[in-house]
N, C-alpha and C. Protein backbone atom coordinates (compact mmCIF):
# COMPACT_ATOMS: atom_id res chain seq x y z
N MET A 1 57.30 -26.37 126.34
CA MET A 1 58.41 -26.49 127.25
C MET A 1 59.51 -25.53 126.79
N SER A 2 60.01 -24.74 127.69
CA SER A 2 61.00 -23.72 127.38
C SER A 2 62.41 -24.29 127.39
N PHE A 3 63.14 -24.07 126.29
CA PHE A 3 64.54 -24.47 126.26
C PHE A 3 65.32 -23.74 127.35
N ALA A 4 65.03 -22.46 127.51
CA ALA A 4 65.71 -21.65 128.52
C ALA A 4 65.48 -22.21 129.93
N GLY A 5 64.32 -22.83 130.16
CA GLY A 5 64.03 -23.41 131.47
C GLY A 5 64.76 -24.72 131.71
N VAL A 6 65.04 -25.46 130.66
CA VAL A 6 65.71 -26.76 130.79
C VAL A 6 67.23 -26.62 130.73
N TYR A 7 67.70 -25.65 129.97
CA TYR A 7 69.13 -25.44 129.76
C TYR A 7 69.94 -25.43 131.07
N PRO A 8 69.54 -24.69 132.11
CA PRO A 8 70.33 -24.70 133.35
C PRO A 8 70.41 -26.10 133.98
N HIS A 9 69.40 -26.92 133.76
CA HIS A 9 69.43 -28.28 134.30
C HIS A 9 70.45 -29.13 133.56
N TYR A 10 70.60 -28.90 132.25
CA TYR A 10 71.66 -29.58 131.50
C TYR A 10 73.02 -29.24 132.10
N ILE A 11 73.24 -27.96 132.35
CA ILE A 11 74.53 -27.51 132.88
C ILE A 11 74.78 -28.11 134.26
N THR A 12 73.79 -28.03 135.13
CA THR A 12 73.92 -28.58 136.48
C THR A 12 74.22 -30.07 136.43
N LYS A 13 73.51 -30.79 135.58
CA LYS A 13 73.68 -32.24 135.48
C LYS A 13 75.11 -32.62 135.11
N VAL A 14 75.67 -31.96 134.13
CA VAL A 14 77.02 -32.33 133.69
C VAL A 14 78.09 -31.82 134.65
N GLU A 15 77.87 -30.65 135.25
CA GLU A 15 78.86 -30.12 136.19
C GLU A 15 78.98 -30.99 137.43
N ARG A 16 77.86 -31.60 137.86
CA ARG A 16 77.91 -32.53 139.00
C ARG A 16 78.79 -33.74 138.69
N LYS A 17 78.94 -34.04 137.41
CA LYS A 17 79.73 -35.19 136.98
C LYS A 17 81.13 -34.78 136.50
N GLY A 18 81.50 -33.52 136.77
CA GLY A 18 82.84 -33.07 136.42
C GLY A 18 83.02 -32.60 134.99
N LYS A 19 81.93 -32.39 134.29
CA LYS A 19 81.99 -31.89 132.91
C LYS A 19 81.70 -30.40 132.92
N THR A 20 81.77 -29.76 131.75
CA THR A 20 81.69 -28.30 131.72
C THR A 20 80.55 -27.78 130.83
N LYS A 21 80.24 -26.52 131.07
CA LYS A 21 79.27 -25.80 130.25
C LYS A 21 79.76 -25.74 128.80
N ALA A 22 81.06 -25.59 128.61
CA ALA A 22 81.63 -25.54 127.27
C ALA A 22 81.36 -26.84 126.51
N GLU A 23 81.38 -27.97 127.21
CA GLU A 23 81.09 -29.25 126.56
C GLU A 23 79.61 -29.35 126.18
N VAL A 24 78.74 -28.82 127.03
CA VAL A 24 77.31 -28.78 126.70
C VAL A 24 77.12 -27.94 125.44
N HIS A 25 77.78 -26.80 125.39
CA HIS A 25 77.67 -25.93 124.22
C HIS A 25 78.19 -26.63 122.97
N GLU A 26 79.29 -27.35 123.09
CA GLU A 26 79.83 -28.08 121.95
C GLU A 26 78.78 -29.05 121.40
N ILE A 27 78.09 -29.74 122.28
CA ILE A 27 77.03 -30.67 121.86
C ILE A 27 75.89 -29.92 121.18
N ILE A 28 75.43 -28.84 121.79
CA ILE A 28 74.33 -28.06 121.20
C ILE A 28 74.73 -27.52 119.83
N PHE A 29 75.93 -26.99 119.73
CA PHE A 29 76.40 -26.43 118.45
C PHE A 29 76.48 -27.52 117.39
N TRP A 30 76.98 -28.70 117.77
CA TRP A 30 77.10 -29.82 116.83
C TRP A 30 75.71 -30.26 116.34
N LEU A 31 74.77 -30.38 117.28
CA LEU A 31 73.45 -30.88 116.92
C LEU A 31 72.65 -29.88 116.09
N THR A 32 72.74 -28.59 116.42
CA THR A 32 71.84 -27.60 115.83
C THR A 32 72.47 -26.63 114.83
N GLY A 33 73.78 -26.45 114.90
CA GLY A 33 74.42 -25.46 114.04
C GLY A 33 74.45 -24.07 114.64
N TYR A 34 73.91 -23.89 115.86
CA TYR A 34 73.97 -22.59 116.52
C TYR A 34 75.41 -22.26 116.89
N ASP A 35 75.65 -20.96 117.11
CA ASP A 35 76.92 -20.52 117.68
C ASP A 35 76.62 -19.89 119.04
N GLU A 36 77.66 -19.42 119.71
CA GLU A 36 77.51 -18.89 121.07
C GLU A 36 76.51 -17.72 121.14
N VAL A 37 76.62 -16.78 120.21
CA VAL A 37 75.75 -15.60 120.23
C VAL A 37 74.29 -16.00 120.02
N ALA A 38 74.05 -16.84 119.04
CA ALA A 38 72.68 -17.28 118.74
C ALA A 38 72.08 -18.05 119.92
N LEU A 39 72.89 -18.90 120.54
CA LEU A 39 72.41 -19.67 121.69
C LEU A 39 72.02 -18.73 122.83
N GLN A 40 72.86 -17.78 123.14
CA GLN A 40 72.55 -16.84 124.22
C GLN A 40 71.28 -16.04 123.92
N ASN A 41 71.10 -15.65 122.66
CA ASN A 41 69.88 -14.92 122.29
C ASN A 41 68.64 -15.78 122.52
N LEU A 42 68.71 -17.05 122.15
CA LEU A 42 67.56 -17.95 122.34
C LEU A 42 67.23 -18.13 123.81
N ILE A 43 68.27 -18.21 124.63
CA ILE A 43 68.06 -18.36 126.07
C ILE A 43 67.42 -17.10 126.64
N GLU A 44 67.94 -15.94 126.25
CA GLU A 44 67.40 -14.67 126.73
C GLU A 44 65.96 -14.46 126.27
N GLU A 45 65.64 -14.93 125.08
CA GLU A 45 64.28 -14.79 124.54
C GLU A 45 63.32 -15.84 125.10
N LYS A 46 63.86 -16.77 125.90
CA LYS A 46 63.08 -17.83 126.52
C LYS A 46 62.28 -18.63 125.49
N ARG A 47 62.97 -19.01 124.43
CA ARG A 47 62.34 -19.78 123.35
C ARG A 47 61.94 -21.17 123.83
N ASN A 48 60.84 -21.67 123.29
CA ASN A 48 60.45 -23.04 123.60
C ASN A 48 61.26 -23.98 122.69
N PHE A 49 61.17 -25.28 122.97
CA PHE A 49 61.94 -26.24 122.19
C PHE A 49 61.55 -26.26 120.72
N GLU A 50 60.28 -26.04 120.44
CA GLU A 50 59.85 -26.03 119.04
C GLU A 50 60.55 -24.91 118.28
N ASN A 51 60.55 -23.70 118.84
CA ASN A 51 61.27 -22.58 118.22
C ASN A 51 62.77 -22.85 118.16
N PHE A 52 63.29 -23.40 119.24
CA PHE A 52 64.72 -23.69 119.33
C PHE A 52 65.16 -24.56 118.14
N PHE A 53 64.41 -25.61 117.86
CA PHE A 53 64.79 -26.49 116.75
C PHE A 53 64.35 -25.96 115.39
N ASP A 54 63.20 -25.29 115.32
CA ASP A 54 62.75 -24.72 114.05
C ASP A 54 63.70 -23.64 113.55
N LEU A 55 64.29 -22.88 114.46
CA LEU A 55 65.19 -21.79 114.08
C LEU A 55 66.65 -22.24 113.94
N ALA A 56 66.91 -23.49 114.26
CA ALA A 56 68.29 -24.00 114.18
C ALA A 56 68.82 -23.89 112.75
N PRO A 57 70.05 -23.41 112.61
CA PRO A 57 70.63 -23.26 111.28
C PRO A 57 70.66 -24.57 110.49
N ALA A 58 71.02 -25.68 111.16
CA ALA A 58 71.09 -26.96 110.45
C ALA A 58 71.21 -28.09 111.45
N LEU A 59 70.22 -28.96 111.47
CA LEU A 59 70.33 -30.15 112.31
C LEU A 59 71.42 -31.04 111.72
N ASN A 60 72.33 -31.49 112.54
CA ASN A 60 73.44 -32.31 112.06
C ASN A 60 72.90 -33.58 111.40
N PRO A 61 73.39 -33.90 110.19
CA PRO A 61 72.90 -35.11 109.51
C PRO A 61 73.20 -36.40 110.28
N ASN A 62 74.20 -36.37 111.15
CA ASN A 62 74.52 -37.56 111.95
C ASN A 62 73.60 -37.72 113.16
N ALA A 63 72.66 -36.80 113.35
CA ALA A 63 71.73 -36.89 114.48
C ALA A 63 70.92 -38.19 114.41
N THR A 64 70.67 -38.69 113.21
CA THR A 64 69.90 -39.93 113.08
C THR A 64 70.66 -41.13 113.64
N LYS A 65 71.95 -40.97 113.91
CA LYS A 65 72.74 -42.06 114.51
C LYS A 65 72.55 -42.12 116.02
N ILE A 66 71.82 -41.15 116.56
CA ILE A 66 71.55 -41.14 118.00
C ILE A 66 70.38 -42.08 118.25
N THR A 67 70.66 -43.18 118.91
CA THR A 67 69.63 -44.19 119.17
C THR A 67 69.70 -44.61 120.64
N GLY A 68 68.75 -45.43 121.03
CA GLY A 68 68.74 -45.95 122.38
C GLY A 68 67.57 -45.41 123.18
N MET A 69 67.65 -45.66 124.48
CA MET A 69 66.58 -45.27 125.40
C MET A 69 66.94 -43.97 126.11
N ILE A 70 65.93 -43.12 126.26
CA ILE A 70 66.07 -41.90 127.06
C ILE A 70 64.71 -41.61 127.67
N CYS A 71 64.68 -41.42 128.96
CA CYS A 71 63.44 -41.12 129.69
C CYS A 71 62.36 -42.17 129.42
N GLY A 72 62.76 -43.40 129.27
CA GLY A 72 61.81 -44.49 129.06
C GLY A 72 61.31 -44.64 127.64
N TYR A 73 61.85 -43.89 126.71
CA TYR A 73 61.42 -43.96 125.31
C TYR A 73 62.59 -44.36 124.42
N ARG A 74 62.32 -45.20 123.46
CA ARG A 74 63.32 -45.55 122.45
C ARG A 74 63.29 -44.43 121.41
N ILE A 75 64.41 -43.75 121.25
CA ILE A 75 64.48 -42.56 120.39
C ILE A 75 64.01 -42.87 118.97
N GLU A 76 64.45 -43.96 118.43
CA GLU A 76 64.12 -44.28 117.03
C GLU A 76 62.63 -44.56 116.82
N ASP A 77 61.88 -44.78 117.90
CA ASP A 77 60.44 -45.02 117.79
C ASP A 77 59.58 -43.76 117.97
N ILE A 78 60.20 -42.65 118.33
CA ILE A 78 59.45 -41.41 118.55
C ILE A 78 59.05 -40.84 117.20
N GLU A 79 57.76 -40.57 117.04
CA GLU A 79 57.25 -40.08 115.76
C GLU A 79 57.20 -38.57 115.67
N ASP A 80 56.91 -37.87 116.76
CA ASP A 80 56.83 -36.41 116.75
C ASP A 80 58.24 -35.84 116.49
N PRO A 81 58.42 -35.09 115.40
CA PRO A 81 59.77 -34.62 115.04
C PRO A 81 60.41 -33.70 116.08
N ILE A 82 59.64 -32.86 116.72
CA ILE A 82 60.21 -31.97 117.74
C ILE A 82 60.62 -32.78 118.96
N MET A 83 59.75 -33.68 119.41
CA MET A 83 60.08 -34.50 120.57
C MET A 83 61.30 -35.38 120.29
N LYS A 84 61.43 -35.86 119.08
CA LYS A 84 62.59 -36.67 118.72
C LYS A 84 63.87 -35.84 118.85
N LYS A 85 63.84 -34.60 118.39
CA LYS A 85 65.01 -33.73 118.48
C LYS A 85 65.33 -33.39 119.94
N VAL A 86 64.30 -33.17 120.74
CA VAL A 86 64.50 -32.92 122.17
C VAL A 86 65.19 -34.13 122.80
N ARG A 87 64.73 -35.31 122.46
CA ARG A 87 65.32 -36.53 123.02
C ARG A 87 66.73 -36.78 122.50
N TYR A 88 67.01 -36.35 121.26
CA TYR A 88 68.40 -36.40 120.77
C TYR A 88 69.30 -35.61 121.72
N LEU A 89 68.88 -34.38 122.00
CA LEU A 89 69.67 -33.52 122.87
C LEU A 89 69.78 -34.11 124.27
N ASP A 90 68.68 -34.60 124.81
CA ASP A 90 68.70 -35.24 126.14
C ASP A 90 69.69 -36.39 126.17
N LYS A 91 69.67 -37.21 125.15
CA LYS A 91 70.55 -38.38 125.08
C LYS A 91 72.01 -37.96 125.04
N LEU A 92 72.33 -36.94 124.25
CA LEU A 92 73.71 -36.47 124.17
C LEU A 92 74.19 -35.91 125.51
N ILE A 93 73.32 -35.17 126.19
CA ILE A 93 73.68 -34.62 127.50
C ILE A 93 73.87 -35.76 128.51
N ASP A 94 73.02 -36.77 128.45
CA ASP A 94 73.18 -37.94 129.32
C ASP A 94 74.51 -38.63 129.08
N GLU A 95 74.86 -38.80 127.82
CA GLU A 95 76.12 -39.46 127.49
C GLU A 95 77.31 -38.67 128.02
N LEU A 96 77.24 -37.35 127.92
CA LEU A 96 78.30 -36.50 128.47
C LEU A 96 78.39 -36.68 129.98
N ALA A 97 77.26 -36.64 130.65
CA ALA A 97 77.24 -36.78 132.10
C ALA A 97 77.76 -38.15 132.55
N LYS A 98 77.58 -39.14 131.71
CA LYS A 98 78.05 -40.50 132.05
C LYS A 98 79.52 -40.71 131.71
N GLY A 99 80.16 -39.67 131.16
CA GLY A 99 81.59 -39.76 130.91
C GLY A 99 82.00 -40.31 129.56
N ARG A 100 81.06 -40.43 128.66
CA ARG A 100 81.39 -40.92 127.32
C ARG A 100 82.29 -39.91 126.61
N ALA A 101 83.20 -40.40 125.80
CA ALA A 101 84.13 -39.54 125.08
C ALA A 101 83.38 -38.65 124.09
N MET A 102 83.80 -37.40 123.99
CA MET A 102 83.12 -36.44 123.11
C MET A 102 83.11 -36.94 121.67
N GLU A 103 84.16 -37.57 121.23
CA GLU A 103 84.21 -38.11 119.86
C GLU A 103 83.06 -39.08 119.61
N LYS A 104 82.74 -39.91 120.59
CA LYS A 104 81.63 -40.85 120.44
C LYS A 104 80.28 -40.16 120.58
N ILE A 105 80.21 -39.19 121.48
CA ILE A 105 78.95 -38.45 121.65
C ILE A 105 78.55 -37.77 120.35
N LEU A 106 79.54 -37.19 119.67
CA LEU A 106 79.28 -36.46 118.43
C LEU A 106 79.26 -37.36 117.20
N ARG A 107 79.21 -38.67 117.43
CA ARG A 107 79.04 -39.66 116.37
C ARG A 107 80.06 -39.50 115.25
N LYS A 108 81.33 -39.33 115.63
CA LYS A 108 82.39 -39.18 114.64
C LYS A 108 82.95 -40.52 114.25
């Protein structure tokens, strides 16, 4: 699954709810350690999610605090490490779209 293919859907989802692309980027940067330039390069290179997370500078240590249900799966029960990271990102984007405060989304 291509990160570049899913990324526009993240943006569309949050913009429909009055949120911004900048907020999506803040979440991605917090979770992965990427910056704007690195993120744009990954999108242009059409990297898949496995590459996206394998190349990430540093997965945020607070990512393990992301729990709950997403797409019918309980995040803490997912065993595949890449799928778990994908669901972390999905959950954070969902929380943004639902209007949750950024401070809570970023598990501060």
